PDB file of N, CA and C in Angstrom:
ATOM      1  N   SER A   1     130.551  96.796  60.510  1.00  0.00           N
ATOM      2  CA  SER A   1     130.849  95.689  61.391  1.00  0.00           C
ATOM      3  C   SER A   1     130.035  94.629  61.045  1.00  0.00           C
ATOM      4  N   ALA A   2     130.296  93.407  61.671  1.00  0.00           N
ATOM      5  CA  ALA A   2     129.403  92.188  61.298  1.00  0.00           C
ATOM      6  C   ALA A   2     128.160  92.189  61.715  1.00  0.00           C
ATOM      7  N   ILE A   3     127.812  92.875  62.854  1.00  0.00           N
ATOM      8  CA  ILE A   3     126.393  93.019  63.449  1.00  0.00           C
ATOM      9  C   ILE A   3     125.675  93.887  62.462  1.00  0.00           C
ATOM     10  N   ASP A   4     126.143  94.920  62.047  1.00  0.00           N
ATOM     11  CA  ASP A   4     125.551  95.947  61.106  1.00  0.00           C
ATOM     12  C   ASP A   4     125.075  95.319  59.762  1.00  0.00           C
ATOM     13  N   SER A   5     126.080  94.435  59.318  1.00  0.00           N
ATOM     14  CA  SER A   5     125.760  93.760  57.957  1.00  0.00           C
ATOM     15  C   SER A   5     124.707  92.659  58.171  1.00  0.00           C
ATOM     16  N   GLY A   6     124.954  92.015  59.431  1.00  0.00           N
ATOM     17  CA  GLY A   6     123.877  90.912  59.625  1.00  0.00           C
ATOM     18  C   GLY A   6     122.557  91.519  59.902  1.00  0.00           C
ATOM     19  N   VAL A   7     122.285  92.575  60.626  1.00  0.00           N
ATOM     20  CA  VAL A   7     121.019  93.373  60.803  1.00  0.00           C
ATOM     21  C   VAL A   7     120.315  93.692  59.408  1.00  0.00           C
ATOM     22  N   LYS A   8     121.180  94.338  58.760  1.00  0.00           N
ATOM     23  CA  LYS A   8     120.895  94.755  57.268  1.00  0.00           C
ATOM     24  C   LYS A   8     120.272  93.554  56.495  1.00  0.00           C
ATOM     25  N   LYS A   9     121.014  92.501  56.462  1.00  0.00           N
ATOM     26  CA  LYS A   9     120.349  91.179  55.826  1.00  0.00           C
ATOM     27  C   LYS A   9     118.962  90.936  56.369  1.00  0.00           C
ATOM     28  N   ILE A  10     118.954  90.898  57.622  1.00  0.00           N
ATOM     29  CA  ILE A  10     117.604  90.613  58.348  1.00  0.00           C
ATOM     30  C   ILE A  10     116.464  91.522  57.849  1.00  0.00           C
ATOM     31  N   VAL A  11     116.762  92.798  57.837  1.00  0.00           N
ATOM     32  CA  VAL A  11     115.757  93.994  57.371  1.00  0.00           C
ATOM     33  C   VAL A  11     115.375  93.696  55.973  1.00  0.00           C
ATOM     34  N   ASP A  12     116.446  93.395  55.067  1.00  0.00           N
ATOM     35  CA  ASP A  12     116.296  93.416  53.777  1.00  0.00           C
ATOM     36  C   ASP A  12     115.440  92.215  53.472  1.00  0.00           C
ATOM     37  N   ALA A  13     115.559  90.993  54.208  1.00  0.00           N
ATOM     38  CA  ALA A  13     114.842  89.883  53.918  1.00  0.00           C
ATOM     39  C   ALA A  13     113.494  90.019  54.312  1.00  0.00           C
ATOM     40  N   LEU A  14     113.197  90.854  55.502  1.00  0.00           N
ATOM     41  CA  LEU A  14     111.695  91.044  55.921  1.00  0.00           C
ATOM     42  C   LEU A  14     111.129  91.943  54.975  1.00  0.00           C
ATOM     43  N   LYS A  15     111.926  92.964  54.418  1.00  0.00           N
ATOM     44  CA  LYS A  15     111.245  93.753  53.356  1.00  0.00           C
ATOM     45  C   LYS A  15     110.909  92.953  51.907  1.00  0.00           C
ATOM     46  N   SER A  16     111.780  92.155  51.554  1.00  0.00           N
ATOM     47  CA  SER A  16     111.704  91.248  50.518  1.00  0.00           C
ATOM     48  C   SER A  16     110.405  90.428  50.669  1.00  0.00           C
ATOM     49  N   ALA A  17     110.203  89.884  51.859  1.00  0.00           N
ATOM     50  CA  ALA A  17     109.139  89.001  52.040  1.00  0.00           C
ATOM     51  C   ALA A  17     107.866  89.855  52.305  1.00  0.00           C
ATOM     52  N   GLY A  18     107.852  91.048  52.441  1.00  0.00           N
ATOM     53  CA  GLY A  18     106.705  91.881  52.771  1.00  0.00           C
ATOM     54  C   GLY A  18     106.250  91.916  54.137  1.00  0.00           C
ATOM     55  N   LEU A  19     107.277  91.531  55.039  1.00  0.00           N
ATOM     56  CA  LEU A  19     106.874  91.563  56.389  1.00  0.00           C
ATOM     57  C   LEU A  19     107.436  92.675  57.284  1.00  0.00           C
ATOM     58  N   TYR A  20     108.254  93.513  56.773  1.00  0.00           N
ATOM     59  CA  TYR A  20     109.036  94.593  57.464  1.00  0.00           C
ATOM     60  C   TYR A  20     107.909  95.407  58.188  1.00  0.00           C
ATOM     61  N   ASP A  21     107.006  95.904  57.520  1.00  0.00           N
ATOM     62  CA  ASP A  21     106.122  97.032  57.972  1.00  0.00           C
ATOM     63  C   ASP A  21     105.344  96.521  59.235  1.00  0.00           C
ATOM     64  N   ASN A  22     105.291  95.256  59.603  1.00  0.00           N
ATOM     65  CA  ASN A  22     104.668  94.692  60.887  1.00  0.00           C
ATOM     66  C   ASN A  22     105.800  93.973  61.733  1.00  0.00           C
ATOM     67  N   SER A  23     107.081  94.289  61.650  1.00  0.00           N
ATOM     68  CA  SER A  23     108.106  93.699  62.303  1.00  0.00           C
ATOM     69  C   SER A  23     108.700  94.491  63.447  1.00  0.00           C
ATOM     70  N   ILE A  24     109.179  93.874  64.392  1.00  0.00           N
ATOM     71  CA  ILE A  24     109.766  94.471  65.443  1.00  0.00           C
ATOM     72  C   ILE A  24     111.189  93.854  65.775  1.00  0.00           C
ATOM     73  N   ILE A  25     112.368  94.548  65.720  1.00  0.00           N
ATOM     74  CA  ILE A  25     113.665  93.940  65.980  1.00  0.00           C
ATOM     75  C   ILE A  25     114.101  94.487  67.409  1.00  0.00           C
ATOM     76  N   ILE A  26     114.480  93.563  68.212  1.00  0.00           N
ATOM     77  CA  ILE A  26     114.795  93.664  69.725  1.00  0.00           C
ATOM     78  C   ILE A  26     116.120  93.318  69.952  1.00  0.00           C
ATOM     79  N   PHE A  27     117.150  94.024  70.496  1.00  0.00           N
ATOM     80  CA  PHE A  27     118.380  93.551  70.916  1.00  0.00           C
ATOM     81  C   PHE A  27     118.182  94.093  72.415  1.00  0.00           C
ATOM     82  N   SER A  28     118.475  93.058  73.057  1.00  0.00           N
ATOM     83  CA  SER A  28     118.335  93.104  74.742  1.00  0.00           C
ATOM     84  C   SER A  28     119.414  92.474  75.407  1.00  0.00           C
ATOM     85  N   THR A  29     119.789  93.017  76.495  1.00  0.00           N
ATOM     86  CA  THR A  29     120.897  92.313  77.310  1.00  0.00           C
ATOM     87  C   THR A  29     120.134  91.747  78.749  1.00  0.00           C
ATOM     88  N   ASP A  30     120.540  90.827  79.276  1.00  0.00           N
ATOM     89  CA  ASP A  30     120.059  90.320  80.541  1.00  0.00           C
ATOM     90  C   ASP A  30     120.628  91.187  81.796  1.00  0.00           C
ATOM     91  N   ASN A  31     121.680  91.634  81.780  1.00  0.00           N
ATOM     92  CA  ASN A  31     122.465  92.362  83.004  1.00  0.00           C
ATOM     93  C   ASN A  31     123.819  92.897  82.532  1.00  0.00           C
ATOM     94  N   GLY A  32     124.475  93.249  83.492  1.00  0.00           N
ATOM     95  CA  GLY A  32     125.837  93.837  83.332  1.00  0.00           C
ATOM     96  C   GLY A  32     126.852  93.032  82.685  1.00  0.00           C
ATOM     97  N   GLY A  33     127.939  93.643  82.336  1.00  0.00           N
ATOM     98  CA  GLY A  33     129.151  92.894  81.775  1.00  0.00           C
ATOM     99  C   GLY A  33     129.789  91.896  82.854  1.00  0.00           C
ATOM    100  N   ALA A  34     130.643  90.934  82.235  1.00  0.00           N
ATOM    101  CA  ALA A  34     131.356  90.044  83.137  1.00  0.00           C
ATOM    102  C   ALA A  34     132.284  90.741  84.066  1.00  0.00           C
ATOM    103  N   ALA A  35     132.743  90.219  85.212  1.00  0.00           N
ATOM    104  CA  ALA A  35     133.675  90.865  86.203  1.00  0.00           C
ATOM    105  C   ALA A  35     135.076  90.971  85.447  1.00  0.00           C
ATOM    106  N   THR A  36     135.385  90.221  84.656  1.00  0.00           N
ATOM    107  CA  THR A  36     136.766  90.274  83.994  1.00  0.00           C
ATOM    108  C   THR A  36     136.672  90.404  82.486  1.00  0.00           C
ATOM    109  N   GLY A  37     137.319  91.208  81.852  1.00  0.00           N
ATOM    110  CA  GLY A  37     137.380  91.375  80.453  1.00  0.00           C
ATOM    111  C   GLY A  37     136.382  92.328  79.946  1.00  0.00           C
ATOM    112  N   SER A  38     135.630  93.051  80.817  1.00  0.00           N
ATOM    113  CA  SER A  38     134.639  93.981  80.288  1.00  0.00           C
ATOM    114  C   SER A  38     134.473  95.200  81.322  1.00  0.00           C
ATOM    115  N   SER A  39     133.944  96.207  80.825  1.00  0.00           N
ATOM    116  CA  SER A  39     133.933  97.402  81.813  1.00  0.00           C
ATOM    117  C   SER A  39     132.319  97.941  81.613  1.00  0.00           C
ATOM    118  N   ASN A  40     131.937  98.171  82.992  1.00  0.00           N
ATOM    119  CA  ASN A  40     130.607  98.758  83.138  1.00  0.00           C
ATOM    120  C   ASN A  40     130.708 100.274  83.528  1.00  0.00           C
ATOM    121  N   TYR A  41     131.831 100.861  83.315  1.00  0.00           N
ATOM    122  CA  TYR A  41     132.028 102.114  83.623  1.00  0.00           C
ATOM    123  C   TYR A  41     131.025 103.156  83.007  1.00  0.00           C
ATOM    124  N   PRO A  42     130.430 104.109  83.632  1.00  0.00           N
ATOM    125  CA  PRO A  42     130.765 104.550  84.924  1.00  0.00           C
ATOM    126  C   PRO A  42     130.016 103.774  86.028  1.00  0.00           C
ATOM    127  N   LEU A  43     129.213 102.661  85.786  1.00  0.00           N
ATOM    128  CA  LEU A  43     128.461 102.012  86.887  1.00  0.00           C
ATOM    129  C   LEU A  43     129.414 101.132  87.553  1.00  0.00           C
ATOM    130  N   LYS A  44     128.944 101.111  88.804  1.00  0.00           N
ATOM    131  CA  LYS A  44     129.730 100.053  89.963  1.00  0.00           C
ATOM    132  C   LYS A  44     129.283  98.685  89.723  1.00  0.00           C
ATOM    133  N   GLY A  45     130.256  97.865  89.851  1.00  0.00           N
ATOM    134  CA  GLY A  45     129.885  96.359  90.001  1.00  0.00           C
ATOM    135  C   GLY A  45     129.769  95.737  88.560  1.00  0.00           C
ATOM    136  N   SER A  46     129.433  94.508  88.463  1.00  0.00           N
ATOM    137  CA  SER A  46     129.452  93.580  87.323  1.00  0.00           C
ATOM    138  C   SER A  46     128.424  92.515  87.458  1.00  0.00           C
ATOM    139  N   LYS A  47     128.289  91.706  86.315  1.00  0.00           N
ATOM    140  CA  LYS A  47     127.327  90.382  86.302  1.00  0.00           C
ATOM    141  C   LYS A  47     127.500  89.787  87.729  1.00  0.00           C
ATOM    142  N   GLU A  48     126.203  89.401  88.073  1.00  0.00           N
ATOM    143  CA  GLU A  48     126.079  88.784  89.364  1.00  0.00           C
ATOM    144  C   GLU A  48     126.188  89.546  90.733  1.00  0.00           C
ATOM    145  N   GLN A  49     126.359  90.891  90.477  1.00  0.00           N
ATOM    146  CA  GLN A  49     126.436  91.653  91.546  1.00  0.00           C
ATOM    147  C   GLN A  49     125.212  92.654  91.581  1.00  0.00           C
ATOM    148  N   VAL A  50     124.758  92.997  92.773  1.00  0.00           N
ATOM    149  CA  VAL A  50     123.447  93.994  92.794  1.00  0.00           C
ATOM    150  C   VAL A  50     123.737  95.342  92.576  1.00  0.00           C
ATOM    151  N   TYR A  51     124.886  95.693  92.340  1.00  0.00           N
ATOM    152  CA  TYR A  51     125.168  97.115  91.834  1.00  0.00           C
ATOM    153  C   TYR A  51     124.667  97.327  90.521  1.00  0.00           C
ATOM    154  N   GLU A  52     124.402  98.632  90.157  1.00  0.00           N
ATOM    155  CA  GLU A  52     123.957  98.975  88.875  1.00  0.00           C
ATOM    156  C   GLU A  52     124.698  98.563  87.652  1.00  0.00           C
ATOM    157  N   GLY A  53     126.058  98.334  87.815  1.00  0.00           N
ATOM    158  CA  GLY A  53     126.866  97.646  86.733  1.00  0.00           C
ATOM    159  C   GLY A  53     126.377  96.146  86.603  1.00  0.00           C
ATOM    160  N   GLY A  54     125.867  95.669  87.493  1.00  0.00           N
ATOM    161  CA  GLY A  54     125.451  94.257  87.583  1.00  0.00           C
ATOM    162  C   GLY A  54     123.961  93.907  87.101  1.00  0.00           C
ATOM    163  N   VAL A  55     123.114  94.977  87.095  1.00  0.00           N
ATOM    164  CA  VAL A  55     121.794  94.700  86.810  1.00  0.00           C
ATOM    165  C   VAL A  55     121.189  95.575  85.634  1.00  0.00           C
ATOM    166  N   ARG A  56     121.814  96.732  85.354  1.00  0.00           N
ATOM    167  CA  ARG A  56     121.451  97.488  84.456  1.00  0.00           C
ATOM    168  C   ARG A  56     121.916  96.966  83.053  1.00  0.00           C
ATOM    169  N   GLY A  57     121.068  97.284  82.016  1.00  0.00           N
ATOM    170  CA  GLY A  57     121.555  96.879  80.671  1.00  0.00           C
ATOM    171  C   GLY A  57     120.866  97.869  79.672  1.00  0.00           C
ATOM    172  N   VAL A  58     121.434  97.584  78.376  1.00  0.00           N
ATOM    173  CA  VAL A  58     120.997  98.458  77.360  1.00  0.00           C
ATOM    174  C   VAL A  58     120.140  97.640  76.486  1.00  0.00           C
ATOM    175  N   GLY A  59     119.315  98.228  75.722  1.00  0.00           N
ATOM    176  CA  GLY A  59     118.487  97.412  74.623  1.00  0.00           C
ATOM    177  C   GLY A  59     118.323  98.492  73.653  1.00  0.00           C
ATOM    178  N   PHE A  60     117.795  97.865  72.350  1.00  0.00           N
ATOM    179  CA  PHE A  60     117.530  98.665  71.185  1.00  0.00           C
ATOM    180  C   PHE A  60     116.342  98.010  70.667  1.00  0.00           C
ATOM    181  N   VAL A  61     115.402  98.773  70.279  1.00  0.00           N
ATOM    182  CA  VAL A  61     114.196  98.446  69.604  1.00  0.00           C
ATOM    183  C   VAL A  61     113.963  99.252  68.179  1.00  0.00           C
ATOM    184  N   HIS A  62     113.738  98.345  67.074  1.00  0.00           N
ATOM    185  CA  HIS A  62     113.577  99.141  65.660  1.00  0.00           C
ATOM    186  C   HIS A  62     112.415  98.527  65.249  1.00  0.00           C
ATOM    187  N   SER A  63     111.545  99.516  64.841  1.00  0.00           N
ATOM    188  CA  SER A  63     110.386  99.037  64.050  1.00  0.00           C
ATOM    189  C   SER A  63     109.470 100.103  63.354  1.00  0.00           C
ATOM    190  N   PRO A  64     108.969  99.929  62.323  1.00  0.00           N
ATOM    191  CA  PRO A  64     108.093 100.985  61.634  1.00  0.00           C
ATOM    192  C   PRO A  64     106.912 101.280  62.434  1.00  0.00           C
ATOM    193  N   LEU A  65     106.625 100.420  63.503  1.00  0.00           N
ATOM    194  CA  LEU A  65     105.428 100.589  64.315  1.00  0.00           C
ATOM    195  C   LEU A  65     105.625 101.442  65.361  1.00  0.00           C
ATOM    196  N   ILE A  66     106.879 101.826  65.618  1.00  0.00           N
ATOM    197  CA  ILE A  66     107.198 103.007  66.710  1.00  0.00           C
ATOM    198  C   ILE A  66     106.847 104.379  66.127  1.00  0.00           C
ATOM    199  N   GLU A  67     105.952 104.919  66.914  1.00  0.00           N
ATOM    200  CA  GLU A  67     105.346 106.273  66.707  1.00  0.00           C
ATOM    201  C   GLU A  67     106.248 107.322  66.774  1.00  0.00           C
ATOM    202  N   ASN A  68     107.096 107.509  67.851  1.00  0.00           N
ATOM    203  CA  ASN A  68     108.076 108.589  67.944  1.00  0.00           C
ATOM    204  C   ASN A  68     109.437 107.895  67.864  1.00  0.00           C
ATOM    205  N   LYS A  69     109.935 108.209  66.576  1.00  0.00           N
ATOM    206  CA  LYS A  69     111.310 107.652  66.227  1.00  0.00           C
ATOM    207  C   LYS A  69     112.284 108.485  67.022  1.00  0.00           C
ATOM    208  N   GLY A  70     113.412 107.682  67.433  1.00  0.00           N
ATOM    209  CA  GLY A  70     114.440 108.247  68.132  1.00  0.00           C
ATOM    210  C   GLY A  70     114.352 108.592  69.666  1.00  0.00           C
ATOM    211  N   VAL A  71     113.240 107.821  70.171  1.00  0.00           N
ATOM    212  CA  VAL A  71     112.838 108.043  71.590  1.00  0.00           C
ATOM    213  C   VAL A  71     113.888 107.205  72.318  1.00  0.00           C
ATOM    214  N   ALA A  72     114.584 107.733  73.410  1.00  0.00           N
ATOM    215  CA  ALA A  72     115.325 106.897  74.504  1.00  0.00           C
ATOM    216  C   ALA A  72     114.387 106.832  75.702  1.00  0.00           C
ATOM    217  N   ALA A  73     114.066 105.650  75.926  1.00  0.00           N
ATOM    218  CA  ALA A  73     113.275 105.349  77.143  1.00  0.00           C
ATOM    219  C   ALA A  73     114.361 105.177  78.364  1.00  0.00           C
ATOM    220  N   GLU A  74     114.345 105.975  79.288  1.00  0.00           N
ATOM    221  CA  GLU A  74     115.022 105.918  80.506  1.00  0.00           C
ATOM    222  C   GLU A  74     114.624 105.103  81.585  1.00  0.00           C
ATOM    223  N   GLY A  75     113.325 104.703  81.778  1.00  0.00           N
ATOM    224  CA  GLY A  75     112.688 104.339  82.862  1.00  0.00           C
ATOM    225  C   GLY A  75     112.982 102.879  83.060  1.00  0.00           C
ATOM    226  N   LEU A  76     112.463 102.317  84.222  1.00  0.00           N
ATOM    227  CA  LEU A  76     112.630 100.956  84.442  1.00  0.00           C
ATOM    228  C   LEU A  76     112.060 100.030  83.520  1.00  0.00           C
ATOM    229  N   MET A  77     112.722  98.913  83.333  1.00  0.00           N
ATOM    230  CA  MET A  77     112.054  97.836  82.620  1.00  0.00           C
ATOM    231  C   MET A  77     112.811  96.514  82.982  1.00  0.00           C
ATOM    232  N   TYR A  78     112.029  95.527  83.352  1.00  0.00           N
ATOM    233  CA  TYR A  78     112.755  94.204  83.763  1.00  0.00           C
ATOM    234  C   TYR A  78     112.642  93.268  82.493  1.00  0.00           C
ATOM    235  N   ILE A  79     113.313  92.208  82.538  1.00  0.00           N
ATOM    236  CA  ILE A  79     113.438  91.226  81.339  1.00  0.00           C
ATOM    237  C   ILE A  79     111.910  90.639  81.093  1.00  0.00           C
ATOM    238  N   THR A  80     111.285  90.703  82.320  1.00  0.00           N
ATOM    239  CA  THR A  80     109.782  90.057  82.115  1.00  0.00           C
ATOM    240  C   THR A  80     108.901  90.721  81.545  1.00  0.00           C
ATOM    241  N   ASP A  81     109.117  92.033  81.432  1.00  0.00           N
ATOM    242  CA  ASP A  81     108.208  93.103  80.804  1.00  0.00           C
ATOM    243  C   ASP A  81     108.049  92.771  79.265  1.00  0.00           C
ATOM    244  N   TRP A  82     109.060  92.141  78.782  1.00  0.00           N
ATOM    245  CA  TRP A  82     108.921  91.671  77.184  1.00  0.00           C
ATOM    246  C   TRP A  82     107.810  91.034  76.941  1.00  0.00           C
ATOM    247  N   LEU A  83     107.468  89.986  77.810  1.00  0.00           N
ATOM    248  CA  LEU A  83     106.195  89.227  77.700  1.00  0.00           C
ATOM    249  C   LEU A  83     104.855  90.043  77.444  1.00  0.00           C
ATOM    250  N   ALA A  84     104.617  90.874  78.550  1.00  0.00           N
ATOM    251  CA  ALA A  84     103.340  91.667  78.310  1.00  0.00           C
ATOM    252  C   ALA A  84     103.419  92.607  77.028  1.00  0.00           C
ATOM    253  N   THR A  85     104.706  93.218  76.904  1.00  0.00           N
ATOM    254  CA  THR A  85     104.830  94.025  75.628  1.00  0.00           C
ATOM    255  C   THR A  85     104.559  93.218  74.375  1.00  0.00           C
ATOM    256  N   LEU A  86     105.136  92.240  74.200  1.00  0.00           N
ATOM    257  CA  LEU A  86     104.926  91.511  72.928  1.00  0.00           C
ATOM    258  C   LEU A  86     103.484  90.756  72.768  1.00  0.00           C
ATOM    259  N   MET A  87     103.066  90.384  73.832  1.00  0.00           N
ATOM    260  CA  MET A  87     101.661  90.033  73.859  1.00  0.00           C
ATOM    261  C   MET A  87     100.728  90.992  73.552  1.00  0.00           C
ATOM    262  N   HIS A  88     100.961  92.316  74.172  1.00  0.00           N
ATOM    263  CA  HIS A  88     100.133  93.280  73.625  1.00  0.00           C
ATOM    264  C   HIS A  88     100.124  93.808  72.183  1.00  0.00           C
ATOM    265  N   LEU A  89     101.305  93.668  71.681  1.00  0.00           N
ATOM    266  CA  LEU A  89     101.567  94.008  70.326  1.00  0.00           C
ATOM    267  C   LEU A  89     100.845  92.902  69.364  1.00  0.00           C
ATOM    268  N   ALA A  90     100.717  91.588  69.959  1.00  0.00           N
ATOM    269  CA  ALA A  90     100.196  90.600  69.219  1.00  0.00           C
ATOM    270  C   ALA A  90      98.665  90.467  69.422  1.00  0.00           C
ATOM    271  N   GLY A  91      98.124  91.335  70.271  1.00  0.00           N
ATOM    272  CA  GLY A  91      96.743  91.489  70.504  1.00  0.00           C
ATOM    273  C   GLY A  91      96.382  90.294  71.488  1.00  0.00           C
ATOM    274  N   LEU A  92      97.244  89.866  72.302  1.00  0.00           N
ATOM    275  CA  LEU A  92      97.039  88.660  73.201  1.00  0.00           C
ATOM    276  C   LEU A  92      97.157  88.901  74.574  1.00  0.00           C
ATOM    277  N   GLU A  93      97.321  90.287  74.920  1.00  0.00           N
ATOM    278  CA  GLU A  93      97.602  90.587  76.409  1.00  0.00           C
ATOM    279  C   GLU A  93      96.590  90.239  77.282  1.00  0.00           C
ATOM    280  N   HIS A  94      95.274  90.123  76.640  1.00  0.00           N
ATOM    281  CA  HIS A  94      94.043  89.647  77.741  1.00  0.00           C
ATOM    282  C   HIS A  94      94.145  88.212  78.086  1.00  0.00           C
ATOM    283  N   ILE A  95      95.032  87.333  77.550  1.00  0.00           N
ATOM    284  CA  ILE A  95      95.145  86.026  78.096  1.00  0.00           C
ATOM    285  C   ILE A  95      96.260  85.898  79.101  1.00  0.00           C
ATOM    286  N   LEU A  96      97.048  86.920  79.455  1.00  0.00           N
ATOM    287  CA  LEU A  96      97.885  86.871  80.605  1.00  0.00           C
ATOM    288  C   LEU A  96      97.269  86.879  81.955  1.00  0.00           C
ATOM    289  N   PRO A  97      97.841  86.153  82.987  1.00  0.00           N
ATOM    290  CA  PRO A  97      97.222  86.093  84.235  1.00  0.00           C
ATOM    291  C   PRO A  97      97.532  87.450  84.872  1.00  0.00           C
ATOM    292  N   PRO A  98      96.510  88.020  85.675  1.00  0.00           N
ATOM    293  CA  PRO A  98      96.496  89.424  86.062  1.00  0.00           C
ATOM    294  C   PRO A  98      97.519  89.469  87.257  1.00  0.00           C
ATOM    295  N   ASP A  99      98.044  88.637  87.753  1.00  0.00           N
ATOM    296  CA  ASP A  99      99.052  88.871  88.823  1.00  0.00           C
ATOM    297  C   ASP A  99     100.531  88.567  88.410  1.00  0.00           C
ATOM    298  N   LEU A 100     100.713  88.490  87.003  1.00  0.00           N
ATOM    299  CA  LEU A 100     101.992  88.194  86.311  1.00  0.00           C
ATOM    300  C   LEU A 100     102.816  89.542  86.472  1.00  0.00           C
ATOM    301  N   ASP A 101     104.109  89.500  86.884  1.00  0.00           N
ATOM    302  CA  ASP A 101     105.007  90.381  86.934  1.00  0.00           C
ATOM    303  C   ASP A 101     105.780  90.891  85.697  1.00  0.00           C
ATOM    304  N   SER A 102     104.691  91.270  84.832  1.00  0.00           N
ATOM    305  CA  SER A 102     105.191  91.756  83.378  1.00  0.00           C
ATOM    306  C   SER A 102     104.300  92.870  82.907  1.00  0.00           C
ATOM    307  N   LEU A 103     104.783  93.913  82.692  1.00  0.00           N
ATOM    308  CA  LEU A 103     104.140  95.129  82.173  1.00  0.00           C
ATOM    309  C   LEU A 103     104.346  95.545  80.837  1.00  0.00           C
ATOM    310  N   ASN A 104     103.259  96.052  80.224  1.00  0.00           N
ATOM    311  CA  ASN A 104     103.390  96.499  78.698  1.00  0.00           C
ATOM    312  C   ASN A 104     104.353  97.763  78.663  1.00  0.00           C
ATOM    313  N   MET A 105     105.272  97.633  77.982  1.00  0.00           N
ATOM    314  CA  MET A 105     106.189  98.726  77.883  1.00  0.00           C
ATOM    315  C   MET A 105     106.041  99.601  76.545  1.00  0.00           C
ATOM    316  N   TRP A 106     105.194  98.987  75.663  1.00  0.00           N
ATOM    317  CA  TRP A 106     105.188  99.675  74.423  1.00  0.00           C
ATOM    318  C   TRP A 106     104.791 101.221  74.264  1.00  0.00           C
ATOM    319  N   PRO A 107     104.123 101.676  75.398  1.00  0.00           N
ATOM    320  CA  PRO A 107     103.819 103.157  75.419  1.00  0.00           C
ATOM    321  C   PRO A 107     105.096 103.999  75.682  1.00  0.00           C
ATOM    322  N   ALA A 108     106.096 103.497  76.403  1.00  0.00           N
ATOM    323  CA  ALA A 108     107.354 104.024  76.848  1.00  0.00           C
ATOM    324  C   ALA A 108     108.217 103.757  75.764  1.00  0.00           C
ATOM    325  N   ILE A 109     108.175 102.729  74.899  1.00  0.00           N
ATOM    326  CA  ILE A 109     109.266 102.478  73.868  1.00  0.00           C
ATOM    327  C   ILE A 109     108.675 103.136  72.565  1.00  0.00           C
ATOM    328  N   SER A 110     107.632 103.222  72.346  1.00  0.00           N
ATOM    329  CA  SER A 110     106.901 103.804  70.986  1.00  0.00           C
ATOM    330  C   SER A 110     106.451 105.328  71.152  1.00  0.00           C
ATOM    331  N   TYR A 111     106.083 105.657  72.320  1.00  0.00           N
ATOM    332  CA  TYR A 111     105.603 107.116  72.511  1.00  0.00           C
ATOM    333  C   TYR A 111     106.511 107.904  73.330  1.00  0.00           C
ATOM    334  N   GLY A 112     107.413 107.277  74.002  1.00  0.00           N
ATOM    335  CA  GLY A 112     108.185 107.952  75.029  1.00  0.00           C
ATOM    336  C   GLY A 112     107.607 108.355  76.223  1.00  0.00           C
ATOM    337  N   ARG A 113     106.422 107.454  76.579  1.00  0.00           N
ATOM    338  CA  ARG A 113     105.788 107.728  77.841  1.00  0.00           C
ATOM    339  C   ARG A 113     106.720 107.250  79.009  1.00  0.00           C
ATOM    340  N   LYS A 114     106.037 107.660  80.306  1.00  0.00           N
ATOM    341  CA  LYS A 114     106.827 107.092  81.467  1.00  0.00           C
ATOM    342  C   LYS A 114     106.625 105.623  81.595  1.00  0.00           C
ATOM    343  N   SER A 115     107.735 105.010  82.170  1.00  0.00           N
ATOM    344  CA  SER A 115     107.655 103.608  82.309  1.00  0.00           C
ATOM    345  C   SER A 115     106.496 103.158  83.572  1.00  0.00           C
ATOM    346  N   PRO A 116     105.761 102.294  83.234  1.00  0.00           N
ATOM    347  CA  PRO A 116     104.677 101.912  84.319  1.00  0.00           C
ATOM    348  C   PRO A 116     105.372 101.134  85.382  1.00  0.00           C
ATOM    349  N   ARG A 117     106.549 100.732  85.273  1.00  0.00           N
ATOM    350  CA  ARG A 117     107.323 100.059  86.324  1.00  0.00           C
ATOM    351  C   ARG A 117     107.821 101.032  87.145  1.00  0.00           C
ATOM    352  N   ASN A 118     107.801 100.816  88.666  1.00  0.00           N
ATOM    353  CA  ASN A 118     108.395 101.704  89.554  1.00  0.00           C
ATOM    354  C   ASN A 118     109.183 101.006  90.623  1.00  0.00           C
ATOM    355  N   GLU A 119     109.312  99.612  90.461  1.00  0.00           N
ATOM    356  CA  GLU A 119     110.265  98.868  91.377  1.00  0.00           C
ATOM    357  C   GLU A 119     110.686  97.582  90.583  1.00  0.00           C
ATOM    358  N   ILE A 120     111.950  97.107  90.867  1.00  0.00           N
ATOM    359  CA  ILE A 120     112.414  95.904  90.489  1.00  0.00           C
ATOM    360  C   ILE A 120     112.947  95.236  91.671  1.00  0.00           C
ATOM    361  N   ILE A 121     112.563  93.853  91.845  1.00  0.00           N
ATOM    362  CA  ILE A 121     113.137  93.172  93.005  1.00  0.00           C
ATOM    363  C   ILE A 121     114.545  92.659  92.434  1.00  0.00           C
ATOM    364  N   LEU A 122     115.610  93.114  93.007  1.00  0.00           N
ATOM    365  CA  LEU A 122     117.001  92.637  92.568  1.00  0.00           C
ATOM    366  C   LEU A 122     117.452  91.318  93.364  1.00  0.00           C
ATOM    367  N   ASN A 123     116.964  91.193  94.613  1.00  0.00           N
ATOM    368  CA  ASN A 123     117.733  90.076  95.466  1.00  0.00           C
ATOM    369  C   ASN A 123     116.556  89.383  96.307  1.00  0.00           C
ATOM    370  N   LEU A 124     116.583  88.151  96.471  1.00  0.00           N
ATOM    371  CA  LEU A 124     115.709  87.530  97.577  1.00  0.00           C
ATOM    372  C   LEU A 124     116.551  86.695  98.407  1.00  0.00           C
ATOM    373  N   ASP A 125     116.610  87.197  99.679  1.00  0.00           N
ATOM    374  CA  ASP A 125     117.367  86.317 100.779  1.00  0.00           C
ATOM    375  C   ASP A 125     116.381  84.980 101.079  1.00  0.00           C
ATOM    376  N   GLN A 126     117.032  83.922 100.872  1.00  0.00           N
ATOM    377  CA  GLN A 126     116.068  82.757 100.994  1.00  0.00           C
ATOM    378  C   GLN A 126     116.770  81.899 102.189  1.00  0.00           C
TER     379      GLN A 126
END
């Protein structure tokens, strides 16, 4: 498929430039599929709904830095957690504000450990 060949080109370019061994390739979604023209089955709901079909998403991380290859992380992760995770990998986690709603997910992604996140706020009534 087109995405497979596109990712292969990216990986080949990283390898040619000598950057692959320190690279992380992330595919992430923000939430469920649209209400029309897509299916979130077996989950109920769709984009902009607070059902699982509207808030759950899939992601994929590929990197030579991953310790336990083939790990499927099943725990909670929120989109904001990418910040703490990537800052940790860059050695810059110490500059993040302590009250930031962002958790380092690298131990869950790389080692298959339990997610440090135990809740996600899905909706605020204002």
